[in-house]
PDB file of N, CA and C in Angstrom:
ATOM      1  N   MET A   1      48.313  52.799  15.208  1.00  0.00           N
ATOM      2  CA  MET A   1      49.080  52.179  14.145  1.00  0.00           C
ATOM      3  C   MET A   1      48.562  50.769  13.892  1.00  0.00           C
ATOM      4  N   GLU A   2      48.326  50.467  12.625  1.00  0.00           N
ATOM      5  CA  GLU A   2      47.788  49.167  12.253  1.00  0.00           C
ATOM      6  C   GLU A   2      48.919  48.168  12.065  1.00  0.00           C
ATOM      7  N   THR A   3      48.749  46.975  12.606  1.00  0.00           N
ATOM      8  CA  THR A   3      49.775  45.943  12.445  1.00  0.00           C
ATOM      9  C   THR A   3      49.398  45.039  11.283  1.00  0.00           C
ATOM     10  N   GLN A   4      50.406  44.536  10.598  1.00  0.00           N
ATOM     11  CA  GLN A   4      50.150  43.614   9.512  1.00  0.00           C
ATOM     12  C   GLN A   4      49.864  42.235  10.065  1.00  0.00           C
ATOM     13  N   ARG A   5      48.897  41.597   9.483  1.00  0.00           N
ATOM     14  CA  ARG A   5      48.516  40.268   9.933  1.00  0.00           C
ATOM     15  C   ARG A   5      49.385  39.210   9.263  1.00  0.00           C
ATOM     16  N   GLU A   6      49.767  38.228  10.013  1.00  0.00           N
ATOM     17  CA  GLU A   6      50.566  37.120   9.506  1.00  0.00           C
ATOM     18  C   GLU A   6      49.737  36.341   8.487  1.00  0.00           C
ATOM     19  N   THR A   7      50.303  36.078   7.313  1.00  0.00           N
ATOM     20  CA  THR A   7      49.551  35.379   6.274  1.00  0.00           C
ATOM     21  C   THR A   7      49.954  33.924   6.118  1.00  0.00           C
ATOM     22  N   ARG A   8      51.060  33.520   6.684  1.00  0.00           N
ATOM     23  CA  ARG A   8      51.446  32.118   6.537  1.00  0.00           C
ATOM     24  C   ARG A   8      50.606  31.244   7.465  1.00  0.00           C
ATOM     25  N   PRO A   9      50.507  29.947   7.144  1.00  0.00           N
ATOM     26  CA  PRO A   9      49.695  29.059   7.968  1.00  0.00           C
ATOM     27  C   PRO A   9      50.151  29.034   9.432  1.00  0.00           C
ATOM     28  N   TYR A  10      49.188  28.945  10.311  1.00  0.00           N
ATOM     29  CA  TYR A  10      49.444  28.903  11.753  1.00  0.00           C
ATOM     30  C   TYR A  10      50.107  27.594  12.147  1.00  0.00           C
ATOM     31  N   TRP A  11      49.578  26.500  11.651  1.00  0.00           N
ATOM     32  CA  TRP A  11      50.008  25.194  12.134  1.00  0.00           C
ATOM     33  C   TRP A  11      50.785  24.399  11.100  1.00  0.00           C
ATOM     34  N   GLY A  12      50.617  24.694   9.864  1.00  0.00           N
ATOM     35  CA  GLY A  12      51.230  23.911   8.791  1.00  0.00           C
ATOM     36  C   GLY A  12      50.166  23.165   8.016  1.00  0.00           C
ATOM     37  N   GLU A  13      50.306  23.152   6.733  1.00  0.00           N
ATOM     38  CA  GLU A  13      49.302  22.504   5.896  1.00  0.00           C
ATOM     39  C   GLU A  13      49.258  21.001   6.156  1.00  0.00           C
ATOM     40  N   LEU A  14      48.111  20.430   5.903  1.00  0.00           N
ATOM     41  CA  LEU A  14      47.943  18.992   6.051  1.00  0.00           C
ATOM     42  C   LEU A  14      47.571  18.400   4.693  1.00  0.00           C
ATOM     43  N   PRO A  15      48.533  18.366   3.749  1.00  0.00           N
ATOM     44  CA  PRO A  15      48.211  17.879   2.408  1.00  0.00           C
ATOM     45  C   PRO A  15      47.749  16.424   2.399  1.00  0.00           C
ATOM     46  N   LYS A  16      48.207  15.651   3.372  1.00  0.00           N
ATOM     47  CA  LYS A  16      47.796  14.247   3.437  1.00  0.00           C
ATOM     48  C   LYS A  16      46.286  14.135   3.674  1.00  0.00           C
ATOM     49  N   LEU A  17      45.750  15.006   4.505  1.00  0.00           N
ATOM     50  CA  LEU A  17      44.320  14.994   4.786  1.00  0.00           C
ATOM     51  C   LEU A  17      43.525  15.382   3.540  1.00  0.00           C
ATOM     52  N   LYS A  18      43.934  16.449   2.887  1.00  0.00           N
ATOM     53  CA  LYS A  18      43.224  16.892   1.686  1.00  0.00           C
ATOM     54  C   LYS A  18      43.321  15.837   0.586  1.00  0.00           C
ATOM     55  N   ALA A  19      44.498  15.254   0.405  1.00  0.00           N
ATOM     56  CA  ALA A  19      44.681  14.219  -0.618  1.00  0.00           C
ATOM     57  C   ALA A  19      43.785  13.012  -0.327  1.00  0.00           C
ATOM     58  N   TRP A  20      43.711  12.594   0.945  1.00  0.00           N
ATOM     59  CA  TRP A  20      42.853  11.470   1.320  1.00  0.00           C
ATOM     60  C   TRP A  20      41.404  11.788   0.995  1.00  0.00           C
ATOM     61  N   ARG A  21      40.963  12.977   1.390  1.00  0.00           N
ATOM     62  CA  ARG A  21      39.572  13.380   1.152  1.00  0.00           C
ATOM     63  C   ARG A  21      39.248  13.367  -0.339  1.00  0.00           C
ATOM     64  N   GLU A  22      40.150  13.914  -1.142  1.00  0.00           N
ATOM     65  CA  GLU A  22      39.916  13.954  -2.582  1.00  0.00           C
ATOM     66  C   GLU A  22      39.928  12.566  -3.211  1.00  0.00           C
ATOM     67  N   ARG A  23      40.829  11.680  -2.750  1.00  0.00           N
ATOM     68  CA  ARG A  23      40.854  10.292  -3.255  1.00  0.00           C
ATOM     69  C   ARG A  23      39.551   9.570  -2.959  1.00  0.00           C
ATOM     70  N   GLN A  24      38.956   9.898  -1.823  1.00  0.00           N
ATOM     71  CA  GLN A  24      37.697   9.258  -1.443  1.00  0.00           C
ATOM     72  C   GLN A  24      36.498   9.868  -2.164  1.00  0.00           C
ATOM     73  N   GLY A  25      36.737  10.970  -2.864  1.00  0.00           N
ATOM     74  CA  GLY A  25      35.642  11.649  -3.563  1.00  0.00           C
ATOM     75  C   GLY A  25      34.729  12.410  -2.621  1.00  0.00           C
ATOM     76  N   LEU A  26      35.284  12.816  -1.477  1.00  0.00           N
ATOM     77  CA  LEU A  26      34.482  13.528  -0.479  1.00  0.00           C
ATOM     78  C   LEU A  26      34.672  15.030  -0.594  1.00  0.00           C
ATOM     79  N   SER A  27      33.602  15.744  -0.378  1.00  0.00           N
ATOM     80  CA  SER A  27      33.690  17.203  -0.310  1.00  0.00           C
ATOM     81  C   SER A  27      34.112  17.594   1.103  1.00  0.00           C
ATOM     82  N   LEU A  28      34.476  18.846   1.262  1.00  0.00           N
ATOM     83  CA  LEU A  28      34.761  19.354   2.612  1.00  0.00           C
ATOM     84  C   LEU A  28      33.566  19.120   3.525  1.00  0.00           C
ATOM     85  N   THR A  29      32.378  19.384   2.997  1.00  0.00           N
ATOM     86  CA  THR A  29      31.157  19.227   3.792  1.00  0.00           C
ATOM     87  C   THR A  29      30.971  17.781   4.231  1.00  0.00           C
ATOM     88  N   ASP A  30      31.174  16.835   3.302  1.00  0.00           N
ATOM     89  CA  ASP A  30      31.010  15.407   3.629  1.00  0.00           C
ATOM     90  C   ASP A  30      31.916  14.984   4.781  1.00  0.00           C
ATOM     91  N   LEU A  31      33.194  15.318   4.669  1.00  0.00           N
ATOM     92  CA  LEU A  31      34.144  14.915   5.712  1.00  0.00           C
ATOM     93  C   LEU A  31      33.877  15.656   7.010  1.00  0.00           C
ATOM     94  N   ALA A  32      33.560  16.929   6.911  1.00  0.00           N
ATOM     95  CA  ALA A  32      33.277  17.712   8.119  1.00  0.00           C
ATOM     96  C   ALA A  32      32.115  17.113   8.900  1.00  0.00           C
ATOM     97  N   ILE A  33      31.064  16.729   8.203  1.00  0.00           N
ATOM     98  CA  ILE A  33      29.904  16.114   8.870  1.00  0.00           C
ATOM     99  C   ILE A  33      30.319  14.803   9.538  1.00  0.00           C
ATOM    100  N   SER A  34      31.113  13.989   8.839  1.00  0.00           N
ATOM    101  CA  SER A  34      31.557  12.705   9.397  1.00  0.00           C
ATOM    102  C   SER A  34      32.379  12.883  10.666  1.00  0.00           C
ATOM    103  N   VAL A  35      33.156  13.970  10.705  1.00  0.00           N
ATOM    104  CA  VAL A  35      34.038  14.217  11.848  1.00  0.00           C
ATOM    105  C   VAL A  35      33.317  14.981  12.962  1.00  0.00           C
ATOM    106  N   GLY A  36      32.249  15.705  12.602  1.00  0.00           N
ATOM    107  CA  GLY A  36      31.504  16.462  13.605  1.00  0.00           C
ATOM    108  C   GLY A  36      31.995  17.889  13.778  1.00  0.00           C
ATOM    109  N   ILE A  37      32.529  18.465  12.689  1.00  0.00           N
ATOM    110  CA  ILE A  37      32.984  19.854  12.718  1.00  0.00           C
ATOM    111  C   ILE A  37      32.379  20.593  11.528  1.00  0.00           C
ATOM    112  N   THR A  38      32.567  21.895  11.488  1.00  0.00           N
ATOM    113  CA  THR A  38      32.027  22.660  10.374  1.00  0.00           C
ATOM    114  C   THR A  38      32.954  22.574   9.164  1.00  0.00           C
ATOM    115  N   LYS A  39      32.382  22.858   8.006  1.00  0.00           N
ATOM    116  CA  LYS A  39      33.147  22.892   6.767  1.00  0.00           C
ATOM    117  C   LYS A  39      34.275  23.919   6.869  1.00  0.00           C
ATOM    118  N   ALA A  40      33.977  25.069   7.453  1.00  0.00           N
ATOM    119  CA  ALA A  40      34.981  26.133   7.598  1.00  0.00           C
ATOM    120  C   ALA A  40      36.142  25.667   8.479  1.00  0.00           C
ATOM    121  N   THR A  41      35.831  24.971   9.560  1.00  0.00           N
ATOM    122  CA  THR A  41      36.881  24.470  10.452  1.00  0.00           C
ATOM    123  C   THR A  41      37.764  23.468   9.727  1.00  0.00           C
ATOM    124  N   LEU A  42      37.158  22.540   8.992  1.00  0.00           N
ATOM    125  CA  LEU A  42      37.938  21.551   8.251  1.00  0.00           C
ATOM    126  C   LEU A  42      38.828  22.229   7.213  1.00  0.00           C
ATOM    127  N   SER A  43      38.304  23.204   6.520  1.00  0.00           N
ATOM    128  CA  SER A  43      39.097  23.935   5.535  1.00  0.00           C
ATOM    129  C   SER A  43      40.301  24.597   6.196  1.00  0.00           C
ATOM    130  N   ARG A  44      40.091  25.197   7.342  1.00  0.00           N
ATOM    131  CA  ARG A  44      41.199  25.845   8.061  1.00  0.00           C
ATOM    132  C   ARG A  44      42.225  24.834   8.554  1.00  0.00           C
ATOM    133  N   ILE A  45      41.770  23.660   8.945  1.00  0.00           N
ATOM    134  CA  ILE A  45      42.698  22.599   9.373  1.00  0.00           C
ATOM    135  C   ILE A  45      43.528  22.139   8.172  1.00  0.00           C
ATOM    136  N   GLU A  46      42.875  21.899   7.032  1.00  0.00           N
ATOM    137  CA  GLU A  46      43.596  21.444   5.841  1.00  0.00           C
ATOM    138  C   GLU A  46      44.644  22.457   5.376  1.00  0.00           C
ATOM    139  N   THR A  47      44.337  23.736   5.487  1.00  0.00           N
ATOM    140  CA  THR A  47      45.255  24.768   4.994  1.00  0.00           C
ATOM    141  C   THR A  47      46.253  25.218   6.045  1.00  0.00           C
ATOM    142  N   GLY A  48      46.131  24.712   7.260  1.00  0.00           N
ATOM    143  CA  GLY A  48      47.082  25.047   8.304  1.00  0.00           C
ATOM    144  C   GLY A  48      46.779  26.332   9.052  1.00  0.00           C
ATOM    145  N   GLN A  49      45.617  26.890   8.836  1.00  0.00           N
ATOM    146  CA  GLN A  49      45.245  28.115   9.536  1.00  0.00           C
ATOM    147  C   GLN A  49      44.728  27.836  10.948  1.00  0.00           C
ATOM    148  N   ARG A  50      44.443  26.585  11.210  1.00  0.00           N
ATOM    149  CA  ARG A  50      43.947  26.198  12.531  1.00  0.00           C
ATOM    150  C   ARG A  50      44.435  24.788  12.824  1.00  0.00           C
ATOM    151  N   ARG A  51      44.799  24.562  14.066  1.00  0.00           N
ATOM    152  CA  ARG A  51      45.158  23.191  14.413  1.00  0.00           C
ATOM    153  C   ARG A  51      43.935  22.537  15.056  1.00  0.00           C
ATOM    154  N   PRO A  52      43.754  21.257  14.817  1.00  0.00           N
ATOM    155  CA  PRO A  52      42.584  20.583  15.372  1.00  0.00           C
ATOM    156  C   PRO A  52      42.703  20.387  16.877  1.00  0.00           C
ATOM    157  N   SER A  53      41.565  20.391  17.531  1.00  0.00           N
ATOM    158  CA  SER A  53      41.545  20.064  18.959  1.00  0.00           C
ATOM    159  C   SER A  53      41.899  18.587  19.104  1.00  0.00           C
ATOM    160  N   VAL A  54      42.130  18.179  20.325  1.00  0.00           N
ATOM    161  CA  VAL A  54      42.427  16.767  20.587  1.00  0.00           C
ATOM    162  C   VAL A  54      41.261  15.897  20.117  1.00  0.00           C
ATOM    163  N   ASP A  55      40.037  16.283  20.457  1.00  0.00           N
ATOM    164  CA  ASP A  55      38.865  15.499  20.046  1.00  0.00           C
ATOM    165  C   ASP A  55      38.739  15.424  18.531  1.00  0.00           C
ATOM    166  N   THR A  56      39.001  16.533  17.863  1.00  0.00           N
ATOM    167  CA  THR A  56      38.917  16.548  16.401  1.00  0.00           C
ATOM    168  C   THR A  56      40.015  15.684  15.796  1.00  0.00           C
ATOM    169  N   ALA A  57      41.213  15.741  16.338  1.00  0.00           N
ATOM    170  CA  ALA A  57      42.309  14.901  15.843  1.00  0.00           C
ATOM    171  C   ALA A  57      41.953  13.423  15.986  1.00  0.00           C
ATOM    172  N   LEU A  58      41.357  13.057  17.104  1.00  0.00           N
ATOM    173  CA  LEU A  58      40.946  11.664  17.307  1.00  0.00           C
ATOM    174  C   LEU A  58      39.845  11.271  16.331  1.00  0.00           C
ATOM    175  N   ALA A  59      38.888  12.166  16.101  1.00  0.00           N
ATOM    176  CA  ALA A  59      37.799  11.889  15.156  1.00  0.00           C
ATOM    177  C   ALA A  59      38.340  11.774  13.728  1.00  0.00           C
ATOM    178  N   LEU A  60      39.278  12.643  13.368  1.00  0.00           N
ATOM    179  CA  LEU A  60      39.882  12.559  12.039  1.00  0.00           C
ATOM    180  C   LEU A  60      40.605  11.230  11.850  1.00  0.00           C
ATOM    181  N   GLU A  61      41.313  10.792  12.889  1.00  0.00           N
ATOM    182  CA  GLU A  61      42.000   9.497  12.812  1.00  0.00           C
ATOM    183  C   GLU A  61      40.987   8.367  12.618  1.00  0.00           C
ATOM    184  N   GLU A  62      39.909   8.408  13.361  1.00  0.00           N
ATOM    185  CA  GLU A  62      38.902   7.356  13.280  1.00  0.00           C
ATOM    186  C   GLU A  62      38.259   7.304  11.893  1.00  0.00           C
ATOM    187  N   VAL A  63      37.945   8.455  11.341  1.00  0.00           N
ATOM    188  CA  VAL A  63      37.259   8.515  10.051  1.00  0.00           C
ATOM    189  C   VAL A  63      38.202   8.230   8.886  1.00  0.00           C
ATOM    190  N   THR A  64      39.422   8.783   8.935  1.00  0.00           N
ATOM    191  CA  THR A  64      40.323   8.691   7.781  1.00  0.00           C
ATOM    192  C   THR A  64      41.347   7.570   7.867  1.00  0.00           C
ATOM    193  N   GLY A  65      41.661   7.138   9.076  1.00  0.00           N
ATOM    194  CA  GLY A  65      42.732   6.159   9.251  1.00  0.00           C
ATOM    195  C   GLY A  65      44.110   6.793   9.279  1.00  0.00           C
ATOM    196  N   ILE A  66      44.176   8.120   9.114  1.00  0.00           N
ATOM    197  CA  ILE A  66      45.445   8.838   9.191  1.00  0.00           C
ATOM    198  C   ILE A  66      45.787   8.992  10.668  1.00  0.00           C
ATOM    199  N   LYS A  67      46.969   8.584  11.052  1.00  0.00           N
ATOM    200  CA  LYS A  67      47.348   8.597  12.468  1.00  0.00           C
ATOM    201  C   LYS A  67      47.228   9.984  13.089  1.00  0.00           C
ATOM    202  N   ARG A  68      46.794  10.019  14.315  1.00  0.00           N
ATOM    203  CA  ARG A  68      46.530  11.276  15.022  1.00  0.00           C
ATOM    204  C   ARG A  68      47.743  12.182  15.114  1.00  0.00           C
ATOM    205  N   TRP A  69      48.940  11.617  15.147  1.00  0.00           N
ATOM    206  CA  TRP A  69      50.113  12.469  15.285  1.00  0.00           C
ATOM    207  C   TRP A  69      50.381  13.305  14.042  1.00  0.00           C
ATOM    208  N   HIS A  70      49.761  12.968  12.897  1.00  0.00           N
ATOM    209  CA  HIS A  70      49.860  13.838  11.728  1.00  0.00           C
ATOM    210  C   HIS A  70      49.122  15.150  11.978  1.00  0.00           C
ATOM    211  N   PHE A  71      48.081  15.080  12.790  1.00  0.00           N
ATOM    212  CA  PHE A  71      47.265  16.258  13.076  1.00  0.00           C
ATOM    213  C   PHE A  71      47.786  17.057  14.268  1.00  0.00           C
ATOM    214  N   ARG A  72      48.352  16.371  15.252  1.00  0.00           N
ATOM    215  CA  ARG A  72      48.851  17.029  16.464  1.00  0.00           C
ATOM    216  C   ARG A  72      50.174  16.414  16.891  1.00  0.00           C
ATOM    217  N   PRO A  73      51.251  16.655  16.130  1.00  0.00           N
ATOM    218  CA  PRO A  73      52.540  16.072  16.513  1.00  0.00           C
ATOM    219  C   PRO A  73      53.057  16.583  17.847  1.00  0.00           C
ATOM    220  N   ASP A  74      52.526  17.714  18.297  1.00  0.00           N
ATOM    221  CA  ASP A  74      52.933  18.229  19.606  1.00  0.00           C
ATOM    222  C   ASP A  74      52.460  17.337  20.735  1.00  0.00           C
ATOM    223  N   LEU A  75      51.436  16.545  20.483  1.00  0.00           N
ATOM    224  CA  LEU A  75      50.893  15.670  21.524  1.00  0.00           C
ATOM    225  C   LEU A  75      51.260  14.208  21.322  1.00  0.00           C
ATOM    226  N   TRP A  76      51.340  13.789  20.058  1.00  0.00           N
ATOM    227  CA  TRP A  76      51.547  12.369  19.777  1.00  0.00           C
ATOM    228  C   TRP A  76      52.640  12.151  18.750  1.00  0.00           C
ATOM    229  N   ALA A  77      53.828  12.508  19.054  1.00  0.00           N
ATOM    230  CA  ALA A  77      54.932  12.249  18.123  1.00  0.00           C
ATOM    231  C   ALA A  77      55.262  10.760  18.166  1.00  0.00           C
ATOM    232  N   PRO A  78      55.512  10.158  16.996  1.00  0.00           N
ATOM    233  CA  PRO A  78      55.883   8.740  17.019  1.00  0.00           C
ATOM    234  C   PRO A  78      57.206   8.550  17.760  1.00  0.00           C
ATOM    235  N   ARG A  79      57.281   7.487  18.489  1.00  0.00           N
ATOM    236  CA  ARG A  79      58.488   7.208  19.276  1.00  0.00           C
ATOM    237  C   ARG A  79      59.485   6.452  18.432  1.00  0.00           C
ATOM    238  N   ARG A  80      60.741   6.831  18.614  1.00  0.00           N
ATOM    239  CA  ARG A  80      61.816   6.136  17.916  1.00  0.00           C
ATOM    240  C   ARG A  80      62.310   5.004  18.790  1.00  0.00           C
ATOM    241  N   ARG A  81      62.614   3.926  18.128  1.00  0.00           N
ATOM    242  CA  ARG A  81      63.149   2.775  18.869  1.00  0.00           C
ATOM    243  C   ARG A  81      64.643   2.950  19.053  1.00  0.00           C
ATOM    244  N   ALA A  82      65.114   2.587  20.237  1.00  0.00           N
ATOM    245  CA  ALA A  82      66.546   2.739  20.546  1.00  0.00           C
ATOM    246  C   ALA A  82      67.354   1.614  19.945  1.00  0.00           C
TER     247      ALA A  82
END
């Protein structure tokens, strides 16, 4: 029996990343090269089909200035002040 594959994003879309890339006039390939990942991997991260590794999240933060917890809130959630 064949099972249906889940079609919704695995991790959640990252519209902030895609919007930043487009504002900068960068292609997927341009940003992927800057971060050190493949174009396919970056596309999957932007669409939520894949979550970035810790190293990739750090590289994305360094290149884009977008805080790492946007990419991996499971690891770096912002702390609330009491």
